[in-house]
C-alpha atoms as a PDB file:
ATOM      1  CA  MET A   1     102.057  92.239  82.159  1.00  0.00           C
ATOM      2  CA  GLN A   2     102.000  95.992  82.638  1.00  0.00           C
ATOM      3  CA  VAL A   3      99.486  96.946  79.866  1.00  0.00           C
ATOM      4  CA  PRO A   4      96.484  94.931  78.635  1.00  0.00           C
ATOM      5  CA  GLY A   5      97.181  92.724  75.654  1.00  0.00           C
ATOM      6  CA  ALA A   6      98.123  89.096  74.628  1.00  0.00           C
ATOM      7  CA  GLY A   7     100.474  87.219  76.742  1.00  0.00           C
ATOM      8  CA  HIS A   8     101.490  83.718  77.525  1.00  0.00           C
ATOM      9  CA  ARG A   9     102.442  81.605  80.351  1.00  0.00           C
ATOM     10  CA  ILE A  10     104.296  78.314  80.750  1.00  0.00           C
ATOM     11  CA  GLU A  11     104.691  76.258  83.847  1.00  0.00           C
ATOM     12  CA  ASN A  12     108.306  76.424  85.136  1.00  0.00           C
ATOM     13  CA  VAL A  13     108.727  72.725  85.108  1.00  0.00           C
ATOM     14  CA  ARG A  14     107.774  72.519  81.335  1.00  0.00           C
ATOM     15  CA  LEU A  15     110.077  75.432  80.602  1.00  0.00           C
ATOM     16  CA  GLN A  16     112.918  73.628  82.317  1.00  0.00           C
ATOM     17  CA  ALA A  17     112.292  70.619  80.634  1.00  0.00           C
ATOM     18  CA  ALA A  18     112.004  72.248  77.243  1.00  0.00           C
ATOM     19  CA  MET A  19     115.424  74.057  77.789  1.00  0.00           C
ATOM     20  CA  ALA A  20     117.032  70.894  78.793  1.00  0.00           C
ATOM     21  CA  GLU A  21     115.987  69.361  75.453  1.00  0.00           C
ATOM     22  CA  SER A  22     116.717  72.266  73.235  1.00  0.00           C
ATOM     23  CA  VAL A  23     120.058  73.987  72.904  1.00  0.00           C
ATOM     24  CA  THR A  24     118.381  76.541  70.587  1.00  0.00           C
ATOM     25  CA  LEU A  25     115.693  77.479  73.112  1.00  0.00           C
ATOM     26  CA  ARG A  26     118.394  77.633  75.880  1.00  0.00           C
ATOM     27  CA  ASN A  27     120.511  79.914  73.757  1.00  0.00           C
ATOM     28  CA  LEU A  28     117.567  82.199  72.843  1.00  0.00           C
ATOM     29  CA  LEU A  29     116.549  82.580  76.413  1.00  0.00           C
ATOM     30  CA  THR A  30     120.048  83.234  77.474  1.00  0.00           C
ATOM     31  CA  ARG A  31     120.246  86.066  74.708  1.00  0.00           C
ATOM     32  CA  TYR A  32     116.709  87.410  76.028  1.00  0.00           C
ATOM     33  CA  LEU A  33     118.019  87.525  79.499  1.00  0.00           C
ATOM     34  CA  HIS A  34     121.145  89.539  78.404  1.00  0.00           C
ATOM     35  CA  SER A  35     118.846  91.911  76.512  1.00  0.00           C
ATOM     36  CA  ALA A  36     116.487  92.269  79.756  1.00  0.00           C
ATOM     37  CA  SER A  37     119.585  93.020  81.780  1.00  0.00           C
ATOM     38  CA  VAL A  38     120.562  95.673  79.231  1.00  0.00           C
ATOM     39  CA  GLN A  39     117.139  97.191  79.527  1.00  0.00           C
ATOM     40  CA  VAL A  40     117.267  97.170  83.478  1.00  0.00           C
ATOM     41  CA  ALA A  41     120.562  98.979  83.287  1.00  0.00           C
ATOM     42  CA  TYR A  42     119.154 101.609  81.102  1.00  0.00           C
ATOM     43  CA  THR A  43     116.281 102.004  83.228  1.00  0.00           C
ATOM     44  CA  ALA A  44     118.502 102.633  86.082  1.00  0.00           C
ATOM     45  CA  PHE A  45     120.651 105.155  83.938  1.00  0.00           C
ATOM     46  CA  SER A  46     117.493 106.954  82.882  1.00  0.00           C
ATOM     47  CA  ASN A  47     116.104 107.233  86.290  1.00  0.00           C
ATOM     48  CA  ALA A  48     119.408 108.583  87.672  1.00  0.00           C
ATOM     49  CA  THR A  49     120.140 111.140  84.908  1.00  0.00           C
ATOM     50  CA  GLN A  50     117.089 111.944  82.765  1.00  0.00           C
ATOM     51  CA  HIS A  51     114.539 114.604  83.629  1.00  0.00           C
ATOM     52  CA  ILE A  52     110.957 113.212  84.095  1.00  0.00           C
ATOM     53  CA  GLU A  53     109.837 114.303  80.526  1.00  0.00           C
ATOM     54  CA  ALA A  54     112.554 112.224  78.933  1.00  0.00           C
ATOM     55  CA  ARG A  55     111.903 109.310  81.223  1.00  0.00           C
ATOM     56  CA  LEU A  56     108.117 109.290  80.393  1.00  0.00           C
ATOM     57  CA  ALA A  57     108.796 109.798  76.778  1.00  0.00           C
ATOM     58  CA  ARG A  58     111.295 106.605  77.028  1.00  0.00           C
ATOM     59  CA  TRP A  59     108.588 104.668  78.972  1.00  0.00           C
ATOM     60  CA  LEU A  60     106.013 105.386  76.489  1.00  0.00           C
ATOM     61  CA  LEU A  61     108.031 104.388  73.563  1.00  0.00           C
ATOM     62  CA  MET A  62     108.881 101.010  75.260  1.00  0.00           C
ATOM     63  CA  CYS A  63     105.161 100.472  76.048  1.00  0.00           C
ATOM     64  CA  HIS A  64     104.237 101.315  72.440  1.00  0.00           C
ATOM     65  CA  ASP A  65     106.772  98.886  71.118  1.00  0.00           C
ATOM     66  CA  ARG A  66     105.050  96.147  72.845  1.00  0.00           C
ATOM     67  CA  SER A  67     101.425  97.342  72.201  1.00  0.00           C
ATOM     68  CA  GLU A  68      99.225  97.028  69.023  1.00  0.00           C
ATOM     69  CA  GLY A  69      98.107 100.296  67.877  1.00  0.00           C
ATOM     70  CA  ASP A  70      98.773 103.893  69.254  1.00  0.00           C
ATOM     71  CA  ASP A  71      96.531 103.622  72.402  1.00  0.00           C
ATOM     72  CA  ILE A  72      98.136 102.450  75.771  1.00  0.00           C
ATOM     73  CA  GLU A  73      96.001 101.867  78.879  1.00  0.00           C
ATOM     74  CA  LEU A  74      97.831 103.357  81.653  1.00  0.00           C
ATOM     75  CA  THR A  75      96.898 105.214  84.833  1.00  0.00           C
ATOM     76  CA  HIS A  76      98.933 108.139  86.215  1.00  0.00           C
ATOM     77  CA  GLU A  77      99.375 106.403  89.363  1.00  0.00           C
ATOM     78  CA  PHE A  78     100.886 103.312  87.734  1.00  0.00           C
ATOM     79  CA  ILE A  79     103.159 105.465  85.595  1.00  0.00           C
ATOM     80  CA  GLY A  80     104.299 107.181  88.683  1.00  0.00           C
ATOM     81  CA  ILE A  81     105.302 103.804  90.257  1.00  0.00           C
ATOM     82  CA  MET A  82     107.183 102.998  87.150  1.00  0.00           C
ATOM     83  CA  LEU A  83     109.045 106.126  86.981  1.00  0.00           C
ATOM     84  CA  ALA A  84     109.377 106.433  90.797  1.00  0.00           C
ATOM     85  CA  VAL A  85     107.816 109.885  91.039  1.00  0.00           C
ATOM     86  CA  ARG A  86     104.550 111.310  92.469  1.00  0.00           C
ATOM     87  CA  ARG A  87     101.266 110.848  90.558  1.00  0.00           C
ATOM     88  CA  GLN A  88     100.924 114.472  90.444  1.00  0.00           C
ATOM     89  CA  SER A  89     104.192 114.902  88.690  1.00  0.00           C
ATOM     90  CA  VAL A  90     103.136 112.388  85.930  1.00  0.00           C
ATOM     91  CA  THR A  91      99.950 114.497  85.432  1.00  0.00           C
ATOM     92  CA  THR A  92     102.017 117.646  84.968  1.00  0.00           C
ATOM     93  CA  THR A  93     104.251 115.873  82.546  1.00  0.00           C
ATOM     94  CA  ILE A  94     101.515 114.359  80.578  1.00  0.00           C
ATOM     95  CA  HIS A  95     100.143 117.811  80.169  1.00  0.00           C
ATOM     96  CA  ILE A  96     103.534 118.964  78.821  1.00  0.00           C
ATOM     97  CA  LEU A  97     103.745 116.099  76.342  1.00  0.00           C
ATOM     98  CA  GLU A  98     100.165 116.769  75.242  1.00  0.00           C
ATOM     99  CA  GLY A  99     101.088 120.640  74.786  1.00  0.00           C
ATOM    100  CA  LYS A 100     104.059 119.506  72.477  1.00  0.00           C
ATOM    101  CA  ARG A 101     101.547 117.413  70.641  1.00  0.00           C
ATOM    102  CA  LEU A 102     103.513 114.251  71.325  1.00  0.00           C
ATOM    103  CA  ILE A 103     100.538 112.346  73.059  1.00  0.00           C
ATOM    104  CA  THR A 104      96.876 112.737  73.905  1.00  0.00           C
ATOM    105  CA  ALA A 105      95.604 111.453  77.196  1.00  0.00           C
ATOM    106  CA  SER A 106      92.358 110.602  78.781  1.00  0.00           C
ATOM    107  CA  ARG A 107      91.262 108.720  81.576  1.00  0.00           C
ATOM    108  CA  ALA A 108      93.516 105.614  82.103  1.00  0.00           C
ATOM    109  CA  SER A 109      94.598 105.920  78.390  1.00  0.00           C
ATOM    110  CA  ILE A 110      97.332 107.638  76.488  1.00  0.00           C
ATOM    111  CA  THR A 111      97.694 107.794  72.597  1.00  0.00           C
ATOM    112  CA  ILE A 112     100.831 108.264  70.826  1.00  0.00           C
ATOM    113  CA  ARG A 113     100.611 111.026  68.296  1.00  0.00           C
ATOM    114  CA  ASP A 114     104.170 111.727  67.386  1.00  0.00           C
ATOM    115  CA  ARG A 115     106.538 108.847  67.899  1.00  0.00           C
ATOM    116  CA  ALA A 116     109.591 110.672  66.390  1.00  0.00           C
ATOM    117  CA  GLY A 117     109.032 113.512  68.765  1.00  0.00           C
ATOM    118  CA  LEU A 118     108.981 111.153  71.602  1.00  0.00           C
ATOM    119  CA  LYS A 119     112.192 109.610  70.492  1.00  0.00           C
ATOM    120  CA  MET A 120     113.826 113.007  70.338  1.00  0.00           C
ATOM    121  CA  LEU A 121     112.639 113.864  73.742  1.00  0.00           C
ATOM    122  CA  ALA A 122     113.811 110.647  75.070  1.00  0.00           C
ATOM    123  CA  GLY A 123     117.274 111.021  73.749  1.00  0.00           C
ATOM    124  CA  ASP A 124     119.973 108.674  74.528  1.00  0.00           C
ATOM    125  CA  ALA A 125     117.783 106.780  77.018  1.00  0.00           C
ATOM    126  CA  TYR A 126     115.858 105.126  74.317  1.00  0.00           C
ATOM    127  CA  GLY A 127     117.291 103.083  71.336  1.00  0.00           C
ATOM    128  CA  ILE A 128     120.358 101.233  72.697  1.00  0.00           C
ATOM    129  CA  PRO A 129     118.527  98.496  74.620  1.00  0.00           C
ATOM    130  CA  GLU A 130     116.110  98.243  71.799  1.00  0.00           C
ATOM    131  CA  ARG A 131     118.927  97.717  69.280  1.00  0.00           C
ATOM    132  CA  ASP A 132     120.504  95.180  71.625  1.00  0.00           C
ATOM    133  CA  TYR A 133     117.159  93.227  71.885  1.00  0.00           C
ATOM    134  CA  GLU A 134     116.849  93.386  68.107  1.00  0.00           C
ATOM    135  CA  ALA A 135     120.300  92.023  67.532  1.00  0.00           C
ATOM    136  CA  ASN A 136     120.105  89.204  70.231  1.00  0.00           C
ATOM    137  CA  VAL A 137     116.387  88.207  70.210  1.00  0.00           C
ATOM    138  CA  GLY A 138     114.865  89.698  67.215  1.00  0.00           C
ATOM    139  CA  GLY A 139     111.293  90.063  66.526  1.00  0.00           C
ATOM    140  CA  LEU A 140     110.829  93.815  67.892  1.00  0.00           C
ATOM    141  CA  VAL A 141     107.753  95.420  66.524  1.00  0.00           C
ATOM    142  CA  THR A 142     108.912  98.814  65.180  1.00  0.00           C
ATOM    143  CA  LYS A 143     106.501 101.463  64.793  1.00  0.00           C
ATOM    144  CA  GLU A 144     108.437 104.065  62.550  1.00  0.00           C
END
């Protein structure tokens, strides 16, 4: 897990046994694996083609999708690792997003203020993997 919150674990042996018994579970996990692959591909695409502001907006939206509420606990260092940039670049970019009133940031915490604005900034890098996940797995919590 990358941000605090609820999570679940299952032993590998138990998961394999459940998959062997349930075609439905096996199919669901296969669809999830497909969606995760699409997400990874779009991360590579975004990292190769998008400016850091769009990449940070995309990543914050993805965290927001998976979080309850608008507050996300993240350090600048961790974001830098996720975006493959220096921590100082993250700090500068966070200040830019704050100046645009898209987020507010405090020590190890970012609050989403304008989700629609973040989506506009992220552009094509956000949305396609999320729609793929919704179509294949379902249950994506939208925060529109």
